[in-house]
Amino acid sequence: MLFKLENGKGVNLEHALRVMDGLGLTMLVVPKAHAPWLEQAAAHAAQIGEDAAREQHAWLGQ
C-alpha cells in the first residue's frame, strides 16, 4: 500500500488517512473556490515561521 501511495497509484481512502495520521498530517476538504484563500493563508503562515526562525537564529548568534 505504501508503494502504491509513493508511486501515485490508487489506494483505499481509509489507508491513505491512516498513513497521513501516522505522519502527523490531516486533510481538510473545502469547496474549490476557497482553496486559493487557504493556500494564501498557508503561504503567509510559512513565511511568518521562516521569519521567526531567522530572527531566533540571529538572536542566538547562529
PDB file of N, CA and C in Angstrom:
ATOM      1  N   MET A   1       0.825  -1.177   0.000  1.00  0.00           N
ATOM      2  CA  MET A   1       0.000   0.000   0.000  1.00  0.00           C
ATOM      3  C   MET A   1       0.871   1.243   0.000  1.00  0.00           C
ATOM      4  N   LEU A   2       1.942   1.268   0.802  1.00  0.00           N
ATOM      5  CA  LEU A   2       2.840   2.426   0.802  1.00  0.00           C
ATOM      6  C   LEU A   2       3.509   2.607  -0.551  1.00  0.00           C
ATOM      7  N   PHE A   3       3.870   1.501  -1.202  1.00  0.00           N
ATOM      8  CA  PHE A   3       4.460   1.565  -2.537  1.00  0.00           C
ATOM      9  C   PHE A   3       3.491   2.248  -3.495  1.00  0.00           C
ATOM     10  N   LYS A   4       2.218   1.874  -3.412  1.00  0.00           N
ATOM     11  CA  LYS A   4       1.212   2.479  -4.272  1.00  0.00           C
ATOM     12  C   LYS A   4       1.101   3.982  -4.003  1.00  0.00           C
ATOM     13  N   LEU A   5       1.063   4.357  -2.734  1.00  0.00           N
ATOM     14  CA  LEU A   5       0.978   5.775  -2.377  1.00  0.00           C
ATOM     15  C   LEU A   5       2.183   6.546  -2.914  1.00  0.00           C
ATOM     16  N   GLU A   6       3.363   6.008  -2.682  1.00  0.00           N
ATOM     17  CA  GLU A   6       4.586   6.674  -3.108  1.00  0.00           C
ATOM     18  C   GLU A   6       4.657   6.837  -4.616  1.00  0.00           C
ATOM     19  N   ASN A   7       4.023   5.946  -5.357  1.00  0.00           N
ATOM     20  CA  ASN A   7       4.098   5.971  -6.811  1.00  0.00           C
ATOM     21  C   ASN A   7       2.830   6.505  -7.476  1.00  0.00           C
ATOM     22  N   GLY A   8       1.987   7.169  -6.665  1.00  0.00           N
ATOM     23  CA  GLY A   8       0.802   7.815  -7.224  1.00  0.00           C
ATOM     24  C   GLY A   8      -0.287   6.882  -7.694  1.00  0.00           C
ATOM     25  N   LYS A   9      -0.283   5.656  -7.228  1.00  0.00           N
ATOM     26  CA  LYS A   9      -1.327   4.689  -7.599  1.00  0.00           C
ATOM     27  C   LYS A   9      -2.512   4.855  -6.653  1.00  0.00           C
ATOM     28  N   GLY A  10      -3.632   4.308  -7.048  1.00  0.00           N
ATOM     29  CA  GLY A  10      -4.829   4.397  -6.228  1.00  0.00           C
ATOM     30  C   GLY A  10      -4.747   3.544  -4.973  1.00  0.00           C
ATOM     31  N   VAL A  11      -5.212   4.107  -3.865  1.00  0.00           N
ATOM     32  CA  VAL A  11      -5.293   3.368  -2.606  1.00  0.00           C
ATOM     33  C   VAL A  11      -6.634   3.670  -1.950  1.00  0.00           C
ATOM     34  N   ASN A  12      -7.003   2.825  -1.032  1.00  0.00           N
ATOM     35  CA  ASN A  12      -8.208   3.000  -0.247  1.00  0.00           C
ATOM     36  C   ASN A  12      -8.061   4.272   0.593  1.00  0.00           C
ATOM     37  N   LEU A  13      -9.096   5.106   0.645  1.00  0.00           N
ATOM     38  CA  LEU A  13      -9.040   6.353   1.407  1.00  0.00           C
ATOM     39  C   LEU A  13      -8.735   6.100   2.876  1.00  0.00           C
ATOM     40  N   GLU A  14      -9.289   5.042   3.434  1.00  0.00           N
ATOM     41  CA  GLU A  14      -9.033   4.726   4.845  1.00  0.00           C
ATOM     42  C   GLU A  14      -7.545   4.488   5.076  1.00  0.00           C
ATOM     43  N   HIS A  15      -6.897   3.774   4.166  1.00  0.00           N
ATOM     44  CA  HIS A  15      -5.467   3.517   4.304  1.00  0.00           C
ATOM     45  C   HIS A  15      -4.661   4.806   4.156  1.00  0.00           C
ATOM     46  N   ALA A  16      -5.042   5.634   3.200  1.00  0.00           N
ATOM     47  CA  ALA A  16      -4.346   6.900   2.998  1.00  0.00           C
ATOM     48  C   ALA A  16      -4.469   7.777   4.244  1.00  0.00           C
ATOM     49  N   LEU A  17      -5.650   7.810   4.842  1.00  0.00           N
ATOM     50  CA  LEU A  17      -5.853   8.608   6.052  1.00  0.00           C
ATOM     51  C   LEU A  17      -5.035   8.063   7.224  1.00  0.00           C
ATOM     52  N   ARG A  18      -4.902   6.761   7.312  1.00  0.00           N
ATOM     53  CA  ARG A  18      -4.067   6.167   8.369  1.00  0.00           C
ATOM     54  C   ARG A  18      -2.608   6.581   8.210  1.00  0.00           C
ATOM     55  N   VAL A  19      -2.122   6.547   6.966  1.00  0.00           N
ATOM     56  CA  VAL A  19      -0.738   6.958   6.703  1.00  0.00           C
ATOM     57  C   VAL A  19      -0.565   8.424   7.070  1.00  0.00           C
ATOM     58  N   MET A  20      -1.515   9.253   6.658  1.00  0.00           N
ATOM     59  CA  MET A  20      -1.442  10.679   6.984  1.00  0.00           C
ATOM     60  C   MET A  20      -1.417  10.885   8.494  1.00  0.00           C
ATOM     61  N   ASP A  21      -2.261  10.166   9.210  1.00  0.00           N
ATOM     62  CA  ASP A  21      -2.303  10.275  10.664  1.00  0.00           C
ATOM     63  C   ASP A  21      -0.961   9.880  11.269  1.00  0.00           C
ATOM     64  N   GLY A  22      -0.381   8.825  10.762  1.00  0.00           N
ATOM     65  CA  GLY A  22       0.920   8.386  11.257  1.00  0.00           C
ATOM     66  C   GLY A  22       2.019   9.400  11.014  1.00  0.00           C
ATOM     67  N   LEU A  23       1.853  10.211   9.974  1.00  0.00           N
ATOM     68  CA  LEU A  23       2.831  11.255   9.663  1.00  0.00           C
ATOM     69  C   LEU A  23       2.503  12.578  10.356  1.00  0.00           C
ATOM     70  N   GLY A  24       1.429  12.578  11.140  1.00  0.00           N
ATOM     71  CA  GLY A  24       1.043  13.804  11.827  1.00  0.00           C
ATOM     72  C   GLY A  24       0.359  14.806  10.911  1.00  0.00           C
ATOM     73  N   LEU A  25      -0.273  14.313   9.852  1.00  0.00           N
ATOM     74  CA  LEU A  25      -0.940  15.176   8.875  1.00  0.00           C
ATOM     75  C   LEU A  25      -2.442  15.018   8.966  1.00  0.00           C
ATOM     76  N   THR A  26      -3.152  15.983   8.435  1.00  0.00           N
ATOM     77  CA  THR A  26      -4.604  15.905   8.349  1.00  0.00           C
ATOM     78  C   THR A  26      -5.030  16.388   6.973  1.00  0.00           C
ATOM     79  N   MET A  27      -6.247  16.081   6.592  1.00  0.00           N
ATOM     80  CA  MET A  27      -6.772  16.519   5.316  1.00  0.00           C
ATOM     81  C   MET A  27      -7.971  17.418   5.580  1.00  0.00           C
ATOM     82  N   LEU A  28      -8.004  18.526   4.891  1.00  0.00           N
ATOM     83  CA  LEU A  28      -9.105  19.459   5.006  1.00  0.00           C
ATOM     84  C   LEU A  28      -9.810  19.512   3.664  1.00  0.00           C
ATOM     85  N   VAL A  29     -11.104  19.259   3.653  1.00  0.00           N
ATOM     86  CA  VAL A  29     -11.876  19.272   2.418  1.00  0.00           C
ATOM     87  C   VAL A  29     -12.711  20.547   2.405  1.00  0.00           C
ATOM     88  N   VAL A  30     -12.499  21.353   1.371  1.00  0.00           N
ATOM     89  CA  VAL A  30     -13.197  22.631   1.252  1.00  0.00           C
ATOM     90  C   VAL A  30     -13.669  22.806  -0.187  1.00  0.00           C
ATOM     91  N   PRO A  31     -14.610  23.696  -0.408  1.00  0.00           N
ATOM     92  CA  PRO A  31     -15.005  23.987  -1.787  1.00  0.00           C
ATOM     93  C   PRO A  31     -13.807  24.518  -2.585  1.00  0.00           C
ATOM     94  N   LYS A  32     -13.736  24.160  -3.860  1.00  0.00           N
ATOM     95  CA  LYS A  32     -12.623  24.594  -4.706  1.00  0.00           C
ATOM     96  C   LYS A  32     -12.456  26.112  -4.692  1.00  0.00           C
ATOM     97  N   ALA A  33     -13.552  26.818  -4.608  1.00  0.00           N
ATOM     98  CA  ALA A  33     -13.494  28.287  -4.621  1.00  0.00           C
ATOM     99  C   ALA A  33     -12.728  28.836  -3.418  1.00  0.00           C
ATOM    100  N   HIS A  34     -12.677  28.088  -2.332  1.00  0.00           N
ATOM    101  CA  HIS A  34     -11.988  28.549  -1.125  1.00  0.00           C
ATOM    102  C   HIS A  34     -10.516  28.164  -1.098  1.00  0.00           C
ATOM    103  N   ALA A  35     -10.107  27.253  -1.963  1.00  0.00           N
ATOM    104  CA  ALA A  35      -8.738  26.751  -1.955  1.00  0.00           C
ATOM    105  C   ALA A  35      -7.691  27.863  -2.095  1.00  0.00           C
ATOM    106  N   PRO A  36      -7.865  28.840  -2.997  1.00  0.00           N
ATOM    107  CA  PRO A  36      -6.847  29.897  -3.101  1.00  0.00           C
ATOM    108  C   PRO A  36      -6.661  30.681  -1.802  1.00  0.00           C
ATOM    109  N   TRP A  37      -7.739  30.913  -1.068  1.00  0.00           N
ATOM    110  CA  TRP A  37      -7.626  31.631   0.205  1.00  0.00           C
ATOM    111  C   TRP A  37      -6.794  30.830   1.198  1.00  0.00           C
ATOM    112  N   LEU A  38      -7.054  29.533   1.249  1.00  0.00           N
ATOM    113  CA  LEU A  38      -6.322  28.684   2.183  1.00  0.00           C
ATOM    114  C   LEU A  38      -4.854  28.555   1.778  1.00  0.00           C
ATOM    115  N   GLU A  39      -4.595  28.491   0.480  1.00  0.00           N
ATOM    116  CA  GLU A  39      -3.214  28.429   0.001  1.00  0.00           C
ATOM    117  C   GLU A  39      -2.475  29.709   0.365  1.00  0.00           C
ATOM    118  N   GLN A  40      -3.124  30.858   0.224  1.00  0.00           N
ATOM    119  CA  GLN A  40      -2.504  32.131   0.598  1.00  0.00           C
ATOM    120  C   GLN A  40      -2.232  32.175   2.097  1.00  0.00           C
ATOM    121  N   ALA A  41      -3.195  31.720   2.885  1.00  0.00           N
ATOM    122  CA  ALA A  41      -3.025  31.718   4.337  1.00  0.00           C
ATOM    123  C   ALA A  41      -1.877  30.796   4.744  1.00  0.00           C
ATOM    124  N   ALA A  42      -1.781  29.637   4.106  1.00  0.00           N
ATOM    125  CA  ALA A  42      -0.694  28.705   4.418  1.00  0.00           C
ATOM    126  C   ALA A  42       0.651  29.287   4.029  1.00  0.00           C
ATOM    127  N   ALA A  43       0.726  29.943   2.879  1.00  0.00           N
ATOM    128  CA  ALA A  43       1.978  30.566   2.449  1.00  0.00           C
ATOM    129  C   ALA A  43       2.372  31.675   3.415  1.00  0.00           C
ATOM    130  N   HIS A  44       1.408  32.448   3.858  1.00  0.00           N
ATOM    131  CA  HIS A  44       1.683  33.524   4.818  1.00  0.00           C
ATOM    132  C   HIS A  44       2.180  32.949   6.145  1.00  0.00           C
ATOM    133  N   ALA A  45       1.529  31.897   6.624  1.00  0.00           N
ATOM    134  CA  ALA A  45       1.945  31.265   7.880  1.00  0.00           C
ATOM    135  C   ALA A  45       3.355  30.695   7.753  1.00  0.00           C
ATOM    136  N   ALA A  46       3.677  30.097   6.615  1.00  0.00           N
ATOM    137  CA  ALA A  46       5.020  29.558   6.400  1.00  0.00           C
ATOM    138  C   ALA A  46       6.047  30.673   6.401  1.00  0.00           C
ATOM    139  N   GLN A  47       5.723  31.808   5.786  1.00  0.00           N
ATOM    140  CA  GLN A  47       6.651  32.947   5.753  1.00  0.00           C
ATOM    141  C   GLN A  47       6.871  33.491   7.155  1.00  0.00           C
ATOM    142  N   ILE A  48       5.815  33.592   7.931  1.00  0.00           N
ATOM    143  CA  ILE A  48       5.940  34.068   9.314  1.00  0.00           C
ATOM    144  C   ILE A  48       6.848  33.126  10.096  1.00  0.00           C
ATOM    145  N   GLY A  49       6.674  31.821   9.896  1.00  0.00           N
ATOM    146  CA  GLY A  49       7.514  30.839  10.579  1.00  0.00           C
ATOM    147  C   GLY A  49       8.971  30.968  10.171  1.00  0.00           C
ATOM    148  N   GLU A  50       9.230  31.181   8.884  1.00  0.00           N
ATOM    149  CA  GLU A  50      10.608  31.356   8.411  1.00  0.00           C
ATOM    150  C   GLU A  50      11.210  32.621   8.989  1.00  0.00           C
ATOM    151  N   ASP A  51      10.442  33.706   9.023  1.00  0.00           N
ATOM    152  CA  ASP A  51      10.935  34.964   9.580  1.00  0.00           C
ATOM    153  C   ASP A  51      11.259  34.815  11.061  1.00  0.00           C
ATOM    154  N   ALA A  52      10.387  34.128  11.793  1.00  0.00           N
ATOM    155  CA  ALA A  52      10.611  33.921  13.224  1.00  0.00           C
ATOM    156  C   ALA A  52      11.856  33.069  13.458  1.00  0.00           C
ATOM    157  N   ALA A  53      12.056  32.040  12.648  1.00  0.00           N
ATOM    158  CA  ALA A  53      13.241  31.188  12.790  1.00  0.00           C
ATOM    159  C   ALA A  53      14.501  31.985  12.499  1.00  0.00           C
ATOM    160  N   ARG A  54      14.464  32.841  11.470  1.00  0.00           N
ATOM    161  CA  ARG A  54      15.615  33.680  11.132  1.00  0.00           C
ATOM    162  C   ARG A  54      15.946  34.625  12.293  1.00  0.00           C
ATOM    163  N   GLU A  55      14.910  35.228  12.865  1.00  0.00           N
ATOM    164  CA  GLU A  55      15.116  36.142  13.988  1.00  0.00           C
ATOM    165  C   GLU A  55      15.695  35.415  15.191  1.00  0.00           C
ATOM    166  N   GLN A  56      15.210  34.204  15.450  1.00  0.00           N
ATOM    167  CA  GLN A  56      15.711  33.433  16.586  1.00  0.00           C
ATOM    168  C   GLN A  56      17.165  33.069  16.375  1.00  0.00           C
ATOM    169  N   HIS A  57      17.534  32.643  15.170  1.00  0.00           N
ATOM    170  CA  HIS A  57      18.933  32.303  14.881  1.00  0.00           C
ATOM    171  C   HIS A  57      19.822  33.520  15.023  1.00  0.00           C
ATOM    172  N   ALA A  58      19.335  34.682  14.559  1.00  0.00           N
ATOM    173  CA  ALA A  58      20.135  35.904  14.685  1.00  0.00           C
ATOM    174  C   ALA A  58      20.311  36.266  16.150  1.00  0.00           C
ATOM    175  N   TRP A  59      19.263  36.097  16.936  1.00  0.00           N
ATOM    176  CA  TRP A  59      19.326  36.437  18.355  1.00  0.00           C
ATOM    177  C   TRP A  59      20.282  35.493  19.095  1.00  0.00           C
ATOM    178  N   LEU A  60      20.306  34.227  18.683  1.00  0.00           N
ATOM    179  CA  LEU A  60      21.186  33.254  19.321  1.00  0.00           C
ATOM    180  C   LEU A  60      22.598  33.329  18.777  1.00  0.00           C
ATOM    181  N   GLY A  61      22.817  34.161  17.764  1.00  0.00           N
ATOM    182  CA  GLY A  61      24.138  34.301  17.192  1.00  0.00           C
ATOM    183  C   GLY A  61      24.561  33.126  16.323  1.00  0.00           C
ATOM    184  N   GLN A  62      23.581  32.467  15.705  1.00  0.00           N
ATOM    185  CA  GLN A  62      23.871  31.293  14.879  1.00  0.00           C
ATOM    186  C   GLN A  62      23.821  31.642  13.432  1.00  0.00           C
TER     187      GLN A  62
END
